[in-house]
Amino acid sequence: MDRRAFNDLYAFTVVARHRSFTKAAAQMGMSQSALSQTVRNLEEALGVRLLTRSTRSVAPTEAGGRLLSRLGPQFEDMQDALDELNEIRDTPRGTIRISAGEHAAVAGIQPKLASFLAEYPDVEVEVLIDGGMIDIVADGFDAGVRFGRQVARDMVSVRISADVTMAVVGAPAYFGRHPMPSAPEDLTAHRCIRTRLPTHGEIFSWPLEKDGETRRVRIEGPAVFNSLSMRVTSALDGVGLTFVPLDQVEAHLAAGRLLPVLADWWPVWEGYHIYYPSRRQHSLAFRVLIDTLRHR
């Protein structure tokens, strides 16, 4: 097999796994049009259609699926063999890609990242903020960070943060116009700053807890943000009440810029975990990063 045919087959497996020319092209560092032409040339050379293309998706044909099932593991083994060469090196090096929610990145990764990067200058860490429950393997990530209760059981999971207390807060200016809630159900009459869940598209209802009892409150309000910083800023501006991690508003509470609401109902969630597939041979750089992030 010549080198070009080998490269074309590898390109096909990347597209077939991602089911997207866009994502595959990004992983391979080439243009989408060039990748599409590469796969088309392979199909012409083999005399069989490997992919079914539409305006929104790409999927392997029956022949493509069979080829992928044979070639995919072979290319994975070769990648693992190349990754194992890093074990020979004394210094960790390489790129580590992590998917994380906004607060998970801020609270779980960022506090330890500066010292790690200073100690290991040959390692590059790429953190992409995404609140949805993605498939880290299909999307080309080495690991993801989510709350412990959200991690799939087939993944290796390492805790990287303490438990997270969620707080309901509002500005003094807001309470100059509205009464202070005394029970969770009172929130339904207030203007609240809401969040849309990225995976299902629903508005997040606030789960408040007290003495083992949970009440999930459906709130209404004038603004919907998927940005943590925008929710905090809008609360400071008096737009309405918001439900955010306590560590993001502690300074504002201490200074009186925000006031606690129903503090005895604030839930405590299990801390963040970094998770990754167990079947992969992980690089030395990846293992050192996991140990650095580990919550102690």
C-alpha atoms as a PDB file:
ATOM      1  CA  MET A   1       0.000   0.000   0.000  1.00  0.00           C
ATOM      2  CA  ASP A   2       1.425   3.396  -0.977  1.00  0.00           C
ATOM      3  CA  ARG A   3       1.537   6.297   1.459  1.00  0.00           C
ATOM      4  CA  ARG A   4      -1.274   8.207  -0.265  1.00  0.00           C
ATOM      5  CA  ALA A   5      -3.721   5.300   0.029  1.00  0.00           C
ATOM      6  CA  PHE A   6      -2.804   4.926   3.703  1.00  0.00           C
ATOM      7  CA  ASN A   7      -3.478   8.617   4.342  1.00  0.00           C
ATOM      8  CA  ASP A   8      -6.782   8.480   2.438  1.00  0.00           C
ATOM      9  CA  LEU A   9      -7.981   5.507   4.510  1.00  0.00           C
ATOM     10  CA  TYR A  10      -7.059   7.307   7.722  1.00  0.00           C
ATOM     11  CA  ALA A  11      -8.947  10.402   6.553  1.00  0.00           C
ATOM     12  CA  PHE A  12     -12.026   8.262   5.920  1.00  0.00           C
ATOM     13  CA  THR A  13     -11.933   6.760   9.428  1.00  0.00           C
ATOM     14  CA  VAL A  14     -11.719  10.215  11.038  1.00  0.00           C
ATOM     15  CA  VAL A  15     -14.720  11.506   9.052  1.00  0.00           C
ATOM     16  CA  ALA A  16     -16.715   8.329   9.711  1.00  0.00           C
ATOM     17  CA  ARG A  17     -16.058   8.499  13.450  1.00  0.00           C
ATOM     18  CA  HIS A  18     -16.961  12.183  13.766  1.00  0.00           C
ATOM     19  CA  ARG A  19     -19.818  11.873  11.229  1.00  0.00           C
ATOM     20  CA  SER A  20     -18.775  15.365  10.216  1.00  0.00           C
ATOM     21  CA  PHE A  21     -16.320  16.724   7.644  1.00  0.00           C
ATOM     22  CA  THR A  22     -16.048  19.944   9.673  1.00  0.00           C
ATOM     23  CA  LYS A  23     -14.924  18.244  12.904  1.00  0.00           C
ATOM     24  CA  ALA A  24     -12.684  15.797  11.068  1.00  0.00           C
ATOM     25  CA  ALA A  25     -10.994  18.592   9.109  1.00  0.00           C
ATOM     26  CA  ALA A  26     -10.351  20.495  12.347  1.00  0.00           C
ATOM     27  CA  GLN A  27      -8.741  17.413  13.922  1.00  0.00           C
ATOM     28  CA  MET A  28      -6.572  16.737  10.895  1.00  0.00           C
ATOM     29  CA  GLY A  29      -5.564  20.369  10.339  1.00  0.00           C
ATOM     30  CA  MET A  30      -6.788  20.577   6.736  1.00  0.00           C
ATOM     31  CA  SER A  31      -9.585  22.325   4.891  1.00  0.00           C
ATOM     32  CA  GLN A  32     -13.031  20.761   4.700  1.00  0.00           C
ATOM     33  CA  SER A  33     -13.019  20.901   0.890  1.00  0.00           C
ATOM     34  CA  ALA A  34      -9.654  19.137   0.682  1.00  0.00           C
ATOM     35  CA  LEU A  35     -10.803  16.422   3.080  1.00  0.00           C
ATOM     36  CA  SER A  36     -14.029  15.925   1.143  1.00  0.00           C
ATOM     37  CA  GLN A  37     -12.048  15.537  -2.086  1.00  0.00           C
ATOM     38  CA  THR A  38      -9.679  13.046  -0.402  1.00  0.00           C
ATOM     39  CA  VAL A  39     -12.580  10.804   0.626  1.00  0.00           C
ATOM     40  CA  ARG A  40     -14.202  11.156  -2.808  1.00  0.00           C
ATOM     41  CA  ASN A  41     -10.944  10.076  -4.465  1.00  0.00           C
ATOM     42  CA  LEU A  42     -10.781   7.051  -2.167  1.00  0.00           C
ATOM     43  CA  GLU A  43     -14.334   6.042  -3.059  1.00  0.00           C
ATOM     44  CA  GLU A  44     -13.541   6.319  -6.764  1.00  0.00           C
ATOM     45  CA  ALA A  45     -10.379   4.274  -6.356  1.00  0.00           C
ATOM     46  CA  LEU A  46     -12.209   1.538  -4.443  1.00  0.00           C
ATOM     47  CA  GLY A  47     -15.293   1.666  -6.652  1.00  0.00           C
ATOM     48  CA  VAL A  48     -17.718   1.776  -3.723  1.00  0.00           C
ATOM     49  CA  ARG A  49     -19.556   4.510  -1.814  1.00  0.00           C
ATOM     50  CA  LEU A  50     -18.264   4.711   1.772  1.00  0.00           C
ATOM     51  CA  LEU A  51     -20.238   7.665   3.137  1.00  0.00           C
ATOM     52  CA  THR A  52     -23.779   8.916   2.782  1.00  0.00           C
ATOM     53  CA  ARG A  53     -23.774  12.702   2.717  1.00  0.00           C
ATOM     54  CA  SER A  54     -26.607  15.138   3.409  1.00  0.00           C
ATOM     55  CA  THR A  55     -26.716  18.860   4.128  1.00  0.00           C
ATOM     56  CA  ARG A  56     -26.694  18.195   7.873  1.00  0.00           C
ATOM     57  CA  SER A  57     -24.919  14.920   8.490  1.00  0.00           C
ATOM     58  CA  VAL A  58     -22.515  12.276   7.250  1.00  0.00           C
ATOM     59  CA  ALA A  59     -22.911   8.555   7.955  1.00  0.00           C
ATOM     60  CA  PRO A  60     -21.061   5.423   6.805  1.00  0.00           C
ATOM     61  CA  THR A  61     -22.764   3.232   4.233  1.00  0.00           C
ATOM     62  CA  GLU A  62     -22.901  -0.510   4.878  1.00  0.00           C
ATOM     63  CA  ALA A  63     -19.567  -0.896   3.080  1.00  0.00           C
ATOM     64  CA  GLY A  64     -18.154   2.100   4.938  1.00  0.00           C
ATOM     65  CA  GLY A  65     -19.276   0.687   8.267  1.00  0.00           C
ATOM     66  CA  ARG A  66     -17.538  -2.605   7.583  1.00  0.00           C
ATOM     67  CA  LEU A  67     -14.343  -0.851   6.543  1.00  0.00           C
ATOM     68  CA  LEU A  68     -14.440   1.369   9.621  1.00  0.00           C
ATOM     69  CA  SER A  69     -14.911  -1.611  11.952  1.00  0.00           C
ATOM     70  CA  ARG A  70     -11.726  -3.175  10.553  1.00  0.00           C
ATOM     71  CA  LEU A  71      -9.560  -0.104  10.108  1.00  0.00           C
ATOM     72  CA  GLY A  72     -10.628   1.942  13.136  1.00  0.00           C
ATOM     73  CA  PRO A  73      -9.029  -0.292  15.799  1.00  0.00           C
ATOM     74  CA  GLN A  74      -5.875  -0.602  13.679  1.00  0.00           C
ATOM     75  CA  PHE A  75      -5.385   3.159  13.518  1.00  0.00           C
ATOM     76  CA  GLU A  76      -6.119   3.421  17.259  1.00  0.00           C
ATOM     77  CA  ASP A  77      -3.428   0.837  17.975  1.00  0.00           C
ATOM     78  CA  MET A  78      -0.953   2.768  15.861  1.00  0.00           C
ATOM     79  CA  GLN A  79      -1.804   6.010  17.662  1.00  0.00           C
ATOM     80  CA  ASP A  80      -1.389   4.286  21.025  1.00  0.00           C
ATOM     81  CA  ALA A  81       1.988   2.949  19.912  1.00  0.00           C
ATOM     82  CA  LEU A  82       3.113   6.448  18.958  1.00  0.00           C
ATOM     83  CA  ASP A  83       1.813   7.846  22.244  1.00  0.00           C
ATOM     84  CA  GLU A  84       3.795   5.232  24.148  1.00  0.00           C
ATOM     85  CA  LEU A  85       6.980   6.730  22.715  1.00  0.00           C
ATOM     86  CA  ASN A  86       6.399   9.649  25.073  1.00  0.00           C
ATOM     87  CA  GLU A  87       7.165   7.266  27.930  1.00  0.00           C
ATOM     88  CA  ILE A  88      10.784   7.258  26.774  1.00  0.00           C
ATOM     89  CA  ARG A  89      11.042  11.004  27.266  1.00  0.00           C
ATOM     90  CA  ASP A  90      12.087  12.424  30.622  1.00  0.00           C
ATOM     91  CA  THR A  91       9.959  15.546  30.166  1.00  0.00           C
ATOM     92  CA  PRO A  92       6.165  15.450  29.692  1.00  0.00           C
ATOM     93  CA  ARG A  93       5.153  17.049  26.406  1.00  0.00           C
ATOM     94  CA  GLY A  94       2.239  17.270  24.034  1.00  0.00           C
ATOM     95  CA  THR A  95      -1.262  18.764  23.853  1.00  0.00           C
ATOM     96  CA  ILE A  96      -4.110  17.824  26.207  1.00  0.00           C
ATOM     97  CA  ARG A  97      -7.663  18.780  25.165  1.00  0.00           C
ATOM     98  CA  ILE A  98     -10.337  19.037  27.868  1.00  0.00           C
ATOM     99  CA  SER A  99     -14.052  19.805  27.631  1.00  0.00           C
ATOM    100  CA  ALA A 100     -15.547  21.516  30.679  1.00  0.00           C
ATOM    101  CA  GLY A 101     -18.463  23.638  31.789  1.00  0.00           C
ATOM    102  CA  GLU A 102     -17.715  27.267  32.640  1.00  0.00           C
ATOM    103  CA  HIS A 103     -17.658  26.913  36.428  1.00  0.00           C
ATOM    104  CA  ALA A 104     -15.945  23.523  36.218  1.00  0.00           C
ATOM    105  CA  ALA A 105     -13.086  25.153  34.307  1.00  0.00           C
ATOM    106  CA  VAL A 106     -12.901  28.161  36.629  1.00  0.00           C
ATOM    107  CA  ALA A 107     -13.182  26.252  39.915  1.00  0.00           C
ATOM    108  CA  GLY A 108     -11.675  22.870  39.045  1.00  0.00           C
ATOM    109  CA  ILE A 109      -8.928  23.512  36.497  1.00  0.00           C
ATOM    110  CA  GLN A 110      -7.788  27.130  36.485  1.00  0.00           C
ATOM    111  CA  PRO A 111      -6.557  27.371  40.122  1.00  0.00           C
ATOM    112  CA  LYS A 112      -3.879  24.733  39.447  1.00  0.00           C
ATOM    113  CA  LEU A 113      -3.154  25.404  35.794  1.00  0.00           C
ATOM    114  CA  ALA A 114      -0.638  28.260  36.060  1.00  0.00           C
ATOM    115  CA  SER A 115       1.787  26.316  38.267  1.00  0.00           C
ATOM    116  CA  PHE A 116       1.405  23.190  36.106  1.00  0.00           C
ATOM    117  CA  LEU A 117       2.204  25.037  32.869  1.00  0.00           C
ATOM    118  CA  ALA A 118       5.168  26.753  34.503  1.00  0.00           C
ATOM    119  CA  GLU A 119       6.568  23.424  35.672  1.00  0.00           C
ATOM    120  CA  TYR A 120       5.974  21.641  32.348  1.00  0.00           C
ATOM    121  CA  PRO A 121       6.680  24.169  29.555  1.00  0.00           C
ATOM    122  CA  ASP A 122       6.473  21.502  26.818  1.00  0.00           C
ATOM    123  CA  VAL A 123       2.831  20.717  27.629  1.00  0.00           C
ATOM    124  CA  GLU A 124      -0.052  22.635  26.049  1.00  0.00           C
ATOM    125  CA  VAL A 125      -3.487  22.462  27.707  1.00  0.00           C
ATOM    126  CA  GLU A 126      -6.530  23.366  25.642  1.00  0.00           C
ATOM    127  CA  VAL A 127      -9.789  23.840  27.596  1.00  0.00           C
ATOM    128  CA  LEU A 128     -12.986  24.302  25.601  1.00  0.00           C
ATOM    129  CA  ILE A 129     -16.032  25.583  27.501  1.00  0.00           C
ATOM    130  CA  ASP A 130     -19.168  23.566  26.750  1.00  0.00           C
ATOM    131  CA  GLY A 131     -21.985  23.014  29.222  1.00  0.00           C
ATOM    132  CA  GLY A 132     -23.511  20.143  27.250  1.00  0.00           C
ATOM    133  CA  MET A 133     -22.981  16.440  27.836  1.00  0.00           C
ATOM    134  CA  ILE A 134     -20.780  15.669  24.856  1.00  0.00           C
ATOM    135  CA  ASP A 135     -19.054  12.477  23.724  1.00  0.00           C
ATOM    136  CA  ILE A 136     -15.438  13.337  24.517  1.00  0.00           C
ATOM    137  CA  VAL A 137     -14.087  10.435  22.447  1.00  0.00           C
ATOM    138  CA  ALA A 138     -16.075  11.270  19.305  1.00  0.00           C
ATOM    139  CA  ASP A 139     -15.271  14.975  19.635  1.00  0.00           C
ATOM    140  CA  GLY A 140     -11.530  14.406  20.004  1.00  0.00           C
ATOM    141  CA  PHE A 141     -11.031  15.334  23.665  1.00  0.00           C
ATOM    142  CA  ASP A 142      -8.647  13.615  26.044  1.00  0.00           C
ATOM    143  CA  ALA A 143     -10.920  14.267  29.039  1.00  0.00           C
ATOM    144  CA  GLY A 144     -13.978  16.097  30.274  1.00  0.00           C
ATOM    145  CA  VAL A 145     -14.899  17.786  33.558  1.00  0.00           C
ATOM    146  CA  ARG A 146     -18.390  17.566  35.062  1.00  0.00           C
ATOM    147  CA  PHE A 147     -20.068  17.080  38.433  1.00  0.00           C
ATOM    148  CA  GLY A 148     -19.400  13.599  39.792  1.00  0.00           C
ATOM    149  CA  ARG A 149     -23.049  12.556  39.460  1.00  0.00           C
ATOM    150  CA  GLN A 150     -22.958  13.355  35.711  1.00  0.00           C
ATOM    151  CA  VAL A 151     -19.992  11.135  34.789  1.00  0.00           C
ATOM    152  CA  ALA A 152     -20.768   7.954  32.841  1.00  0.00           C
ATOM    153  CA  ARG A 153     -19.926   4.756  34.694  1.00  0.00           C
ATOM    154  CA  ASP A 154     -17.691   3.421  31.925  1.00  0.00           C
ATOM    155  CA  MET A 155     -15.254   6.296  32.415  1.00  0.00           C
ATOM    156  CA  VAL A 156     -12.329   6.652  34.807  1.00  0.00           C
ATOM    157  CA  SER A 157     -13.227   9.495  37.157  1.00  0.00           C
ATOM    158  CA  VAL A 158     -10.926  11.559  39.407  1.00  0.00           C
ATOM    159  CA  ARG A 159     -12.272  14.187  41.788  1.00  0.00           C
ATOM    160  CA  ILE A 160     -10.678  17.610  41.302  1.00  0.00           C
ATOM    161  CA  SER A 161     -12.708  19.937  43.540  1.00  0.00           C
ATOM    162  CA  ALA A 162     -14.521  20.205  46.851  1.00  0.00           C
ATOM    163  CA  ASP A 163     -18.314  20.042  46.968  1.00  0.00           C
ATOM    164  CA  VAL A 164     -20.047  23.024  45.375  1.00  0.00           C
ATOM    165  CA  THR A 165     -22.675  25.056  47.256  1.00  0.00           C
ATOM    166  CA  MET A 166     -25.254  26.710  45.015  1.00  0.00           C
ATOM    167  CA  ALA A 167     -26.662  30.047  46.165  1.00  0.00           C
ATOM    168  CA  VAL A 168     -29.705  32.196  45.352  1.00  0.00           C
ATOM    169  CA  VAL A 169     -28.812  35.898  45.503  1.00  0.00           C
ATOM    170  CA  GLY A 170     -30.173  39.323  44.590  1.00  0.00           C
ATOM    171  CA  ALA A 171     -29.069  42.946  44.768  1.00  0.00           C
ATOM    172  CA  PRO A 172     -30.276  45.397  47.452  1.00  0.00           C
ATOM    173  CA  ALA A 173     -31.721  47.542  44.635  1.00  0.00           C
ATOM    174  CA  TYR A 174     -33.899  44.618  43.548  1.00  0.00           C
ATOM    175  CA  PHE A 175     -35.245  44.164  47.075  1.00  0.00           C
ATOM    176  CA  GLY A 176     -36.056  47.860  47.191  1.00  0.00           C
ATOM    177  CA  ARG A 177     -38.813  46.975  44.700  1.00  0.00           C
ATOM    178  CA  HIS A 178     -39.663  43.389  45.694  1.00  0.00           C
ATOM    179  CA  PRO A 179     -40.194  41.558  49.003  1.00  0.00           C
ATOM    180  CA  MET A 180     -37.626  39.026  50.251  1.00  0.00           C
ATOM    181  CA  PRO A 181     -38.819  35.438  49.599  1.00  0.00           C
ATOM    182  CA  SER A 182     -39.487  33.391  52.730  1.00  0.00           C
ATOM    183  CA  ALA A 183     -40.119  29.990  51.066  1.00  0.00           C
ATOM    184  CA  PRO A 184     -39.046  28.335  47.770  1.00  0.00           C
ATOM    185  CA  GLU A 185     -42.527  28.691  46.248  1.00  0.00           C
ATOM    186  CA  ASP A 186     -42.278  32.485  46.678  1.00  0.00           C
ATOM    187  CA  LEU A 187     -39.662  32.506  43.895  1.00  0.00           C
ATOM    188  CA  THR A 188     -42.360  31.893  41.290  1.00  0.00           C
ATOM    189  CA  ALA A 189     -43.542  35.497  41.807  1.00  0.00           C
ATOM    190  CA  HIS A 190     -40.056  36.982  41.358  1.00  0.00           C
ATOM    191  CA  ARG A 191     -38.064  38.115  38.353  1.00  0.00           C
ATOM    192  CA  CYS A 192     -35.286  35.549  37.957  1.00  0.00           C
ATOM    193  CA  ILE A 193     -32.245  35.297  35.726  1.00  0.00           C
ATOM    194  CA  ARG A 194     -32.541  31.925  34.044  1.00  0.00           C
ATOM    195  CA  THR A 195     -30.333  29.362  32.283  1.00  0.00           C
ATOM    196  CA  ARG A 196     -31.146  27.156  29.301  1.00  0.00           C
ATOM    197  CA  LEU A 197     -29.790  23.615  29.539  1.00  0.00           C
ATOM    198  CA  PRO A 198     -27.437  23.036  26.586  1.00  0.00           C
ATOM    199  CA  THR A 199     -28.140  19.340  26.111  1.00  0.00           C
ATOM    200  CA  HIS A 200     -31.961  19.343  26.108  1.00  0.00           C
ATOM    201  CA  GLY A 201     -32.736  23.024  25.547  1.00  0.00           C
ATOM    202  CA  GLU A 202     -35.001  23.308  28.585  1.00  0.00           C
ATOM    203  CA  ILE A 203     -34.969  26.163  31.078  1.00  0.00           C
ATOM    204  CA  PHE A 204     -33.193  25.005  34.227  1.00  0.00           C
ATOM    205  CA  SER A 205     -35.473  24.849  37.268  1.00  0.00           C
ATOM    206  CA  TRP A 206     -33.780  25.555  40.591  1.00  0.00           C
ATOM    207  CA  PRO A 207     -33.419  22.482  42.872  1.00  0.00           C
ATOM    208  CA  LEU A 208     -33.486  23.777  46.456  1.00  0.00           C
ATOM    209  CA  GLU A 209     -32.789  21.441  49.391  1.00  0.00           C
ATOM    210  CA  LYS A 210     -33.372  21.478  53.147  1.00  0.00           C
ATOM    211  CA  ASP A 211     -33.267  18.665  55.717  1.00  0.00           C
ATOM    212  CA  GLY A 212     -33.308  16.002  53.011  1.00  0.00           C
ATOM    213  CA  GLU A 213     -36.227  17.581  51.148  1.00  0.00           C
ATOM    214  CA  THR A 214     -35.786  18.815  47.574  1.00  0.00           C
ATOM    215  CA  ARG A 215     -38.060  21.323  45.899  1.00  0.00           C
ATOM    216  CA  ARG A 216     -37.526  22.042  42.217  1.00  0.00           C
ATOM    217  CA  VAL A 217     -38.810  25.537  41.503  1.00  0.00           C
ATOM    218  CA  ARG A 218     -39.859  26.624  38.011  1.00  0.00           C
ATOM    219  CA  ILE A 219     -38.895  30.274  37.822  1.00  0.00           C
ATOM    220  CA  GLU A 220     -39.733  33.056  35.365  1.00  0.00           C
ATOM    221  CA  GLY A 221     -37.855  36.193  34.474  1.00  0.00           C
ATOM    222  CA  PRO A 222     -36.687  38.714  31.912  1.00  0.00           C
ATOM    223  CA  ALA A 223     -33.309  37.211  30.956  1.00  0.00           C
ATOM    224  CA  VAL A 224     -31.833  33.844  29.957  1.00  0.00           C
ATOM    225  CA  PHE A 225     -28.035  33.433  29.917  1.00  0.00           C
ATOM    226  CA  ASN A 226     -25.766  30.409  29.559  1.00  0.00           C
ATOM    227  CA  SER A 227     -22.874  32.559  30.850  1.00  0.00           C
ATOM    228  CA  LEU A 228     -22.085  32.437  34.548  1.00  0.00           C
ATOM    229  CA  SER A 229     -20.490  35.893  34.535  1.00  0.00           C
ATOM    230  CA  MET A 230     -23.537  37.432  32.842  1.00  0.00           C
ATOM    231  CA  ARG A 231     -25.860  35.937  35.451  1.00  0.00           C
ATOM    232  CA  VAL A 232     -23.768  37.385  38.281  1.00  0.00           C
ATOM    233  CA  THR A 233     -23.459  40.794  36.601  1.00  0.00           C
ATOM    234  CA  SER A 234     -27.190  40.956  35.902  1.00  0.00           C
ATOM    235  CA  ALA A 235     -27.941  40.157  39.540  1.00  0.00           C
ATOM    236  CA  LEU A 236     -25.580  42.967  40.608  1.00  0.00           C
ATOM    237  CA  ASP A 237     -27.420  45.281  38.206  1.00  0.00           C
ATOM    238  CA  GLY A 238     -30.708  44.512  39.957  1.00  0.00           C
ATOM    239  CA  VAL A 239     -32.239  42.673  36.999  1.00  0.00           C
ATOM    240  CA  GLY A 240     -33.437  39.829  39.229  1.00  0.00           C
ATOM    241  CA  LEU A 241     -32.487  36.870  41.385  1.00  0.00           C
ATOM    242  CA  THR A 242     -29.991  34.293  40.196  1.00  0.00           C
ATOM    243  CA  PHE A 243     -28.854  30.767  41.125  1.00  0.00           C
ATOM    244  CA  VAL A 244     -25.063  30.435  40.945  1.00  0.00           C
ATOM    245  CA  PRO A 245     -22.120  28.720  42.691  1.00  0.00           C
ATOM    246  CA  LEU A 246     -21.491  30.389  46.047  1.00  0.00           C
ATOM    247  CA  ASP A 247     -17.773  30.859  45.403  1.00  0.00           C
ATOM    248  CA  GLN A 248     -18.603  33.174  42.486  1.00  0.00           C
ATOM    249  CA  VAL A 249     -20.559  35.628  44.679  1.00  0.00           C
ATOM    250  CA  GLU A 250     -18.949  35.334  48.137  1.00  0.00           C
ATOM    251  CA  ALA A 251     -17.051  38.619  47.762  1.00  0.00           C
ATOM    252  CA  HIS A 252     -20.219  40.415  46.651  1.00  0.00           C
ATOM    253  CA  LEU A 253     -22.151  38.987  49.616  1.00  0.00           C
ATOM    254  CA  ALA A 254     -19.432  40.034  52.050  1.00  0.00           C
ATOM    255  CA  ALA A 255     -19.416  43.573  50.607  1.00  0.00           C
ATOM    256  CA  GLY A 256     -23.207  43.850  50.658  1.00  0.00           C
ATOM    257  CA  ARG A 257     -23.478  44.200  46.881  1.00  0.00           C
ATOM    258  CA  LEU A 258     -25.640  41.059  46.867  1.00  0.00           C
ATOM    259  CA  LEU A 259     -27.950  39.616  49.524  1.00  0.00           C
ATOM    260  CA  PRO A 260     -28.533  35.913  50.310  1.00  0.00           C
ATOM    261  CA  VAL A 261     -31.958  34.505  49.500  1.00  0.00           C
ATOM    262  CA  LEU A 262     -33.345  31.373  51.218  1.00  0.00           C
ATOM    263  CA  ALA A 263     -29.852  30.451  52.444  1.00  0.00           C
ATOM    264  CA  ASP A 264     -31.180  27.504  54.452  1.00  0.00           C
ATOM    265  CA  TRP A 265     -32.373  25.981  51.150  1.00  0.00           C
ATOM    266  CA  TRP A 266     -29.061  26.220  49.282  1.00  0.00           C
ATOM    267  CA  PRO A 267     -28.101  22.787  47.864  1.00  0.00           C
ATOM    268  CA  VAL A 268     -24.622  21.279  48.057  1.00  0.00           C
ATOM    269  CA  TRP A 269     -23.561  19.306  44.984  1.00  0.00           C
ATOM    270  CA  GLU A 270     -20.821  16.723  44.684  1.00  0.00           C
ATOM    271  CA  GLY A 271     -17.598  18.286  43.445  1.00  0.00           C
ATOM    272  CA  TYR A 272     -16.191  18.239  39.923  1.00  0.00           C
ATOM    273  CA  HIS A 273     -14.496  15.176  38.456  1.00  0.00           C
ATOM    274  CA  ILE A 274     -12.229  14.889  35.455  1.00  0.00           C
ATOM    275  CA  TYR A 275     -13.130  11.790  33.451  1.00  0.00           C
ATOM    276  CA  TYR A 276     -11.610   9.897  30.547  1.00  0.00           C
ATOM    277  CA  PRO A 277     -11.864   6.482  28.821  1.00  0.00           C
ATOM    278  CA  SER A 278     -10.001   3.667  30.543  1.00  0.00           C
ATOM    279  CA  ARG A 279      -9.017   1.800  27.395  1.00  0.00           C
ATOM    280  CA  ARG A 280      -6.631   4.464  26.135  1.00  0.00           C
ATOM    281  CA  GLN A 281      -2.885   4.468  26.711  1.00  0.00           C
ATOM    282  CA  HIS A 282      -2.424   7.907  28.237  1.00  0.00           C
ATOM    283  CA  SER A 283       0.672  10.036  27.774  1.00  0.00           C
ATOM    284  CA  LEU A 284       3.008  10.976  30.585  1.00  0.00           C
ATOM    285  CA  ALA A 285       1.843  14.604  30.269  1.00  0.00           C
ATOM    286  CA  PHE A 286      -1.778  13.549  30.711  1.00  0.00           C
ATOM    287  CA  ARG A 287      -1.033  11.459  33.798  1.00  0.00           C
ATOM    288  CA  VAL A 288       0.956  14.291  35.391  1.00  0.00           C
ATOM    289  CA  LEU A 289      -1.914  16.738  34.748  1.00  0.00           C
ATOM    290  CA  ILE A 290      -4.447  14.364  36.312  1.00  0.00           C
ATOM    291  CA  ASP A 291      -2.278  14.035  39.407  1.00  0.00           C
ATOM    292  CA  THR A 292      -1.887  17.835  39.597  1.00  0.00           C
ATOM    293  CA  LEU A 293      -5.656  18.413  39.390  1.00  0.00           C
ATOM    294  CA  ARG A 294      -6.541  15.653  41.865  1.00  0.00           C
ATOM    295  CA  HIS A 295      -8.467  17.030  44.863  1.00  0.00           C
ATOM    296  CA  ARG A 296      -6.626  16.447  48.116  1.00  0.00           C
END
